[in-house]
Amino acid sequence: MMKGYKHYSRLFLFLALVVTFSACSKKAYVFTSFHEPANEGLRMLYSYDGYKWNDLNRIFLKPEIGKEKIMRDPSMVQGPDGVFHLVWTCGWKGDRGFGYASSKDLINWSEQQFIPVLQNEPTTVNVWAPEIFYDDVKKEYIIIWASTIPHRFAKGIEAEDNNHRMYSVTTKDFKTFSDAKLFLEPGYSVIDAVIVKKAKDDYVLVLKDNTRPARNLKVAFSKQALGPYIRISEPFSGLLTEGPSVVKIGNDWLIYYDAYGEKRYAAIRTNDFKNFKDVSAETVIPAGHKHGTIVEVDRKVIERLIK
């Protein structure tokens, strides 16, 4: 009897491993990207493990809106209905909004739209690096970005036309948007923030302290996606770093970022956002890749893109 029990136990374990492997093998990742000087449009990388990335080496969406008609910092999320939503920086200065388009397959895209967000703030210098996040609690999309409104905040280290704060809007349908609100005021210039859902009622904000000479990455914490975010950490990256992109791989989180001071793309691994380990040597990032968002997708999505 015991012999038969052991046999079935081993069979059960084997089947469990097969199911687990099959589930994992269906996972893949896309990494939105652009190349300088950002006038070509949306690029994408793909990976099956989140560490080794390949360039699909084509333009998926050419920028058509904004005063400068550029596409920087493309941020993307896949909604619960399977639709991909993309936002991006469409101008260095002068635009009081960001670009938006959607797609069901990452190949065919909707008409591009300019989403005005600070139209009631005439002195707004810029709208940089919009980052999109789906809040599965409130069933809405959150877009956060960095803007400078001169003389709005206490004079810090930065010049008045470079004294950024983070703002936000929400939407359920990308047709109507909430009024823009101040999202993060850490008391200094801040840009490139990314919302991460770590667990239920446990959110992390990865952000760039944009003050001189710091210009490095930190984290903050909240019980809600929209904040408030508190307990801003000491920097976990070196100087002259920006553009964090976060993805969960197994029980760990990888934070990719542009270590532009060293002219390289870097990666840090953490499982608690308190202890960080540089794992750049374990990753492969194609040359020319710049600031984007990592989205977990079904492997079939990658297969279609490759074809």
Foldseek 3Di string as FASTA:
>chain_A
DVVVVVVVVVVVVVVVVVVVVVVLQQKKKKWWWAFPPQQAAIWIWIGSFVFEIDTLPDHQDGFDDDPQRGFPQWAWEQAPVQKIKIWGFGDPWDAQFIKIWIDNQSRDIDDIDTDHAVPVQVQKTGWHNWYWDQFPVVQKIKTKWKIQRFPPADDDQDDSRQWIFMKMWIGNPVPDIDHIDGQDCPPTRWGQWYWDDLDQLKIKIWIFRCHPPARAIWIFIGRGRSDDTDDIDDGPDHTQKHQWEWDDGVQKIKIWIQSVVVPDIWIWIDNPRPDIDTPRVSHHDDPRTDHYYMYMDGVVSVVVSSD
